[in-house]
Protein backbone atom coordinates (compact mmCIF):
# COMPACT_ATOMS: atom_id res chain seq x y z
CA MET A 1 0.00 0.00 0.00
CA ARG A 2 2.81 2.41 0.94
CA GLU A 3 4.57 1.77 -2.40
CA TYR A 4 1.30 2.25 -4.29
CA ILE A 5 0.66 5.60 -2.62
CA ALA A 6 4.22 6.76 -3.28
CA GLU A 7 3.94 5.80 -6.95
CA LYS A 8 0.60 7.56 -7.25
CA VAL A 9 2.04 10.74 -5.76
CA LYS A 10 5.05 10.51 -8.08
CA ASN A 11 2.83 10.25 -11.16
CA THR A 12 0.44 13.04 -10.16
CA THR A 13 0.66 16.21 -12.22
CA LYS A 14 1.52 19.17 -10.02
CA HIS A 15 0.49 22.69 -10.93
CA PHE A 16 0.77 26.24 -9.61
CA ARG A 17 0.24 29.80 -10.83
CA PHE A 18 2.82 31.90 -12.64
CA GLY A 19 1.22 35.32 -12.77
CA ASP A 20 -2.20 34.37 -14.10
CA VAL A 21 -0.77 31.42 -16.01
CA LYS A 22 -0.96 27.78 -14.96
CA VAL A 23 2.30 25.83 -14.78
CA ARG A 24 1.85 22.06 -15.06
CA GLU A 25 4.67 19.80 -13.90
CA ASN A 26 3.76 16.74 -15.95
CA GLU A 27 7.08 15.04 -15.17
CA PRO A 28 9.09 15.86 -12.04
CA VAL A 29 12.19 18.03 -12.17
CA PRO A 30 15.27 16.93 -10.15
CA SER A 31 14.89 17.21 -6.39
CA ASN A 32 17.48 20.00 -6.17
CA ILE A 33 15.25 22.34 -8.19
CA ASN A 34 12.52 24.31 -6.43
CA LEU A 35 10.16 24.88 -9.33
CA PRO A 36 7.68 27.32 -7.70
CA ALA A 37 10.54 29.41 -6.27
CA ILE A 38 12.21 29.74 -9.67
CA PHE A 39 9.00 30.81 -11.39
CA LYS A 40 8.25 33.25 -8.57
CA ALA A 41 11.69 34.85 -8.98
CA ILE A 42 11.11 35.24 -12.72
CA GLU A 43 7.62 36.64 -12.19
CA THR A 44 8.97 39.23 -9.76
CA ASN A 45 11.48 40.54 -12.30
CA LEU A 46 9.27 40.69 -15.40
CA PRO A 47 6.64 43.38 -16.05
CA SER A 48 3.05 42.18 -15.96
CA HIS A 49 2.39 42.93 -19.65
CA TYR A 50 4.85 40.18 -20.61
CA PHE A 51 2.25 37.66 -19.44
CA ARG A 52 -0.38 38.93 -21.85
CA ASP A 53 -1.85 36.11 -23.97
CA LEU A 54 0.45 33.49 -22.43
CA GLU A 55 -1.75 30.43 -22.04
CA GLY A 56 0.36 28.00 -20.06
CA VAL A 57 3.67 26.35 -19.18
CA GLU A 58 4.13 22.59 -19.56
CA ILE A 59 7.07 20.89 -17.81
CA GLY A 60 8.01 17.50 -19.20
CA HIS A 61 10.31 15.95 -21.76
CA LEU A 62 9.17 15.75 -25.39
CA GLU A 63 10.67 13.65 -28.15
CA GLU A 64 10.88 16.87 -30.16
CA PHE A 65 13.55 18.18 -27.80
CA ASP A 66 15.88 15.30 -28.64
CA LYS A 67 15.28 15.62 -32.39
CA ARG A 68 16.01 19.35 -32.40
CA GLY A 69 18.70 19.37 -29.73
CA VAL A 70 16.83 21.86 -27.54
CA ASN A 71 15.45 22.02 -24.00
CA ALA A 72 12.36 24.12 -24.65
CA VAL A 73 10.02 25.37 -27.36
CA TYR A 74 7.41 28.10 -27.64
CA ARG A 75 4.29 27.06 -29.51
CA ASP A 76 0.66 28.18 -29.58
CA LYS A 77 1.28 30.73 -26.81
CA LYS A 78 2.61 28.06 -24.44
CA PHE A 79 6.05 27.19 -23.11
CA TYR A 80 7.07 23.54 -23.33
CA ILE A 81 10.14 22.95 -21.16
CA THR A 82 12.00 19.74 -20.40
CA ASN A 83 12.05 18.46 -16.84
CA LYS A 84 15.57 17.13 -17.45
CA GLN A 85 17.36 20.14 -16.03
CA SER A 86 20.87 20.16 -14.57
CA ASN A 87 20.22 22.97 -12.13
CA ALA A 88 17.99 25.94 -11.35
CA LYS A 89 20.00 28.29 -13.59
CA ASP A 90 19.46 26.13 -16.67
CA LEU A 91 15.72 26.06 -16.06
CA MET A 92 15.61 29.82 -15.52
CA ASP A 93 17.54 30.35 -18.77
CA ASP A 94 14.99 28.26 -20.66
CA VAL A 95 11.95 30.07 -19.24
CA VAL A 96 13.33 33.56 -19.90
CA HIS A 97 14.47 32.56 -23.40
CA GLU A 98 10.99 31.35 -24.31
CA PHE A 99 9.53 34.60 -22.96
CA ALA A 100 11.55 36.36 -25.65
CA HIS A 101 9.80 34.34 -28.35
CA HIS A 102 6.47 35.16 -26.71
CA MET A 103 7.37 38.86 -26.98
CA GLU A 104 7.98 38.40 -30.70
CA THR A 105 4.46 37.02 -31.03
CA ILE A 106 2.60 39.74 -29.17
CA PHE A 107 4.79 42.79 -29.91
CA PRO A 108 6.37 42.13 -33.34
CA GLU A 109 6.00 45.68 -34.65
CA LEU A 110 7.63 47.27 -31.62
CA ILE A 111 10.59 44.92 -31.89
CA TYR A 112 11.16 44.80 -35.65
CA SER A 113 9.20 47.45 -37.56
CA ASP A 114 11.85 50.20 -37.54
CA GLU A 115 14.47 47.64 -38.70
CA SER A 116 17.13 48.95 -36.30
CA LEU A 117 17.56 45.47 -34.86
CA ILE A 118 17.78 43.96 -38.34
CA HIS A 119 20.55 46.38 -39.34
CA GLU A 120 22.50 45.71 -36.15
CA PHE A 121 22.20 41.95 -36.63
CA LEU A 122 23.26 42.02 -40.30
CA LYS A 123 26.26 44.21 -39.51
CA LYS A 124 27.37 41.64 -36.94
CA ARG A 125 26.75 38.77 -39.35
CA SER A 126 28.93 40.53 -41.93
CA GLN A 127 31.71 40.92 -39.38
CA LEU A 128 31.38 37.26 -38.39
CA LYS A 129 31.67 36.23 -42.03
CA PHE A 130 34.84 38.33 -42.35
CA GLU A 131 36.33 36.82 -39.17
CA LEU A 132 35.68 33.26 -40.32
CA GLN A 133 37.00 34.00 -43.80
CA SER A 134 40.16 35.42 -42.22
CA GLU A 135 40.58 32.12 -40.37
CA GLY A 136 40.53 30.23 -43.67
CA TYR A 137 36.94 28.99 -43.70
CA TRP A 138 35.10 28.86 -47.02
CA VAL A 139 31.97 30.94 -46.35
CA ASN A 140 30.71 31.98 -49.79
CA GLU A 141 28.21 29.14 -50.10
CA TYR A 142 26.32 30.35 -47.00
CA ASP A 143 23.88 33.25 -46.91
CA PHE A 144 24.94 35.45 -44.01
CA ASP A 145 22.22 37.97 -44.95
CA ASN A 146 19.42 35.49 -44.27
CA LEU A 147 17.52 36.62 -41.18
CA LYS A 148 15.76 33.30 -40.66
CA TYR A 149 17.11 30.07 -39.24
CA ASP A 150 19.08 28.14 -41.87
CA ASN A 151 20.00 24.57 -40.99
CA SER A 152 22.96 24.51 -43.37
CA LEU A 153 24.47 27.62 -41.75
CA ASP A 154 23.76 26.19 -38.30
CA MET A 155 25.59 22.98 -39.21
CA PHE A 156 28.49 24.95 -40.68
CA LEU A 157 28.91 27.11 -37.58
CA TYR A 158 28.48 24.40 -34.95
CA LYS A 159 29.92 21.36 -36.75
CA ARG A 160 32.50 22.67 -39.23
CA VAL A 161 33.69 25.76 -37.37
CA GLY A 162 33.00 24.21 -33.97
CA GLN A 163 31.96 25.67 -30.66
CA ASN A 164 35.42 26.80 -29.53
CA MET A 165 36.26 28.71 -32.70
CA LEU A 166 32.71 30.08 -32.95
CA ARG A 167 32.99 31.37 -29.39
CA LEU A 168 36.22 33.17 -30.28
CA ALA A 169 34.80 34.58 -33.52
CA THR A 170 31.63 35.89 -31.87
CA THR A 171 33.28 37.41 -28.78
CA GLY A 172 32.43 41.10 -28.71
CA LEU A 173 29.91 40.64 -31.54
CA PHE A 174 27.19 38.51 -29.96
CA ILE A 175 26.28 38.12 -26.29
CA ARG A 176 26.25 34.36 -26.95
CA PRO A 177 27.39 32.41 -30.03
CA TYR A 178 23.84 31.07 -30.45
CA GLY A 179 22.68 34.62 -31.12
CA SER A 180 24.41 34.46 -34.51
CA ILE A 181 22.09 31.68 -35.74
CA SER A 182 19.12 33.90 -36.72
CA LEU A 183 17.52 37.26 -36.03
CA ARG A 184 15.02 35.64 -33.66
CA GLU A 185 17.77 33.98 -31.63
CA TYR A 186 19.74 37.23 -31.65
CA PHE A 187 16.78 38.87 -29.95
CA ALA A 188 16.12 35.95 -27.60
CA THR A 189 19.71 35.58 -26.37
CA GLY A 190 19.85 39.32 -25.74
CA PHE A 191 16.54 39.24 -23.89
CA GLU A 192 17.87 36.39 -21.78
CA ALA A 193 21.06 38.33 -20.99
CA TYR A 194 19.11 41.46 -20.04
CA TYR A 195 17.06 39.66 -17.40
CA LEU A 196 19.73 37.29 -16.13
CA GLY A 197 22.40 39.69 -14.99
CA LYS A 198 24.28 40.73 -18.14
CA GLN A 199 22.70 44.11 -18.91
CA GLU A 200 25.99 46.00 -18.95
CA ALA A 201 27.61 43.56 -21.36
CA LEU A 202 24.53 43.55 -23.60
CA GLU A 203 24.41 47.33 -23.80
CA LYS A 204 28.07 47.41 -24.81
CA ILE A 205 27.90 44.62 -27.39
CA SER A 206 24.40 45.19 -28.83
CA PRO A 207 23.17 48.72 -28.02
CA MET A 208 20.16 48.58 -30.37
CA LEU A 209 19.05 45.27 -28.95
CA TYR A 210 19.48 46.61 -25.43
CA ASP A 211 17.36 49.66 -26.28
CA LYS A 212 14.61 47.48 -27.74
CA ILE A 213 14.34 45.42 -24.58
CA GLU A 214 14.33 48.59 -22.48
CA GLU A 215 11.48 49.87 -24.63
CA LEU A 216 9.60 46.60 -24.19
CA HIS A 217 10.09 46.68 -20.44
CA TYR A 218 9.05 50.30 -19.86
CA HIS A 219 6.68 51.15 -22.72
CA SER A 220 3.77 53.19 -21.33
CA GLU A 221 1.15 51.74 -23.70
CA PHE A 222 1.31 48.45 -21.84
């Protein structure tokens, strides 16, 4: 009976509120992670308008994560986040990162309409192309002006160039190497940096991106 009760408790979906949004822990996170405390800390540091139209957060591992090599996805105004987290910081990174993609959905014109972010991103992409070319990499077959995710460019940067060289080539250009992958990830990695303690570095490296997030955070219309 005791084992049955323990198993039943283990398999019970837990849920709590995150702002006005329900978080469902469909599969348990590691015991060293205090899920409600992490979400409360994030909620405290984000303005209330960021939660607009967010419909839920689902914690549990999806086969999609393994196929795409990711820990979280944003889809249909919900966050889907793996329960297989190493520590609280990794989980916090994932939640804040997916908030960035939510911002793109509900405030696309504010973020992209004046094209200042696009110009900043393309300038950095051009510099990255030059840096890699200077290191002897053949880059002409890849479109560094493409704003969208391109699997062939992703494979080139992470498999051919490799993480160590990519980190060196993007230092001072991107707040994280992953921000070079697409315009959306450029915004999301900057958003993540802004809210997770790297504001000063972000402002120095990507001033336009920093200004956009400031505008999002403080805009009076919200």
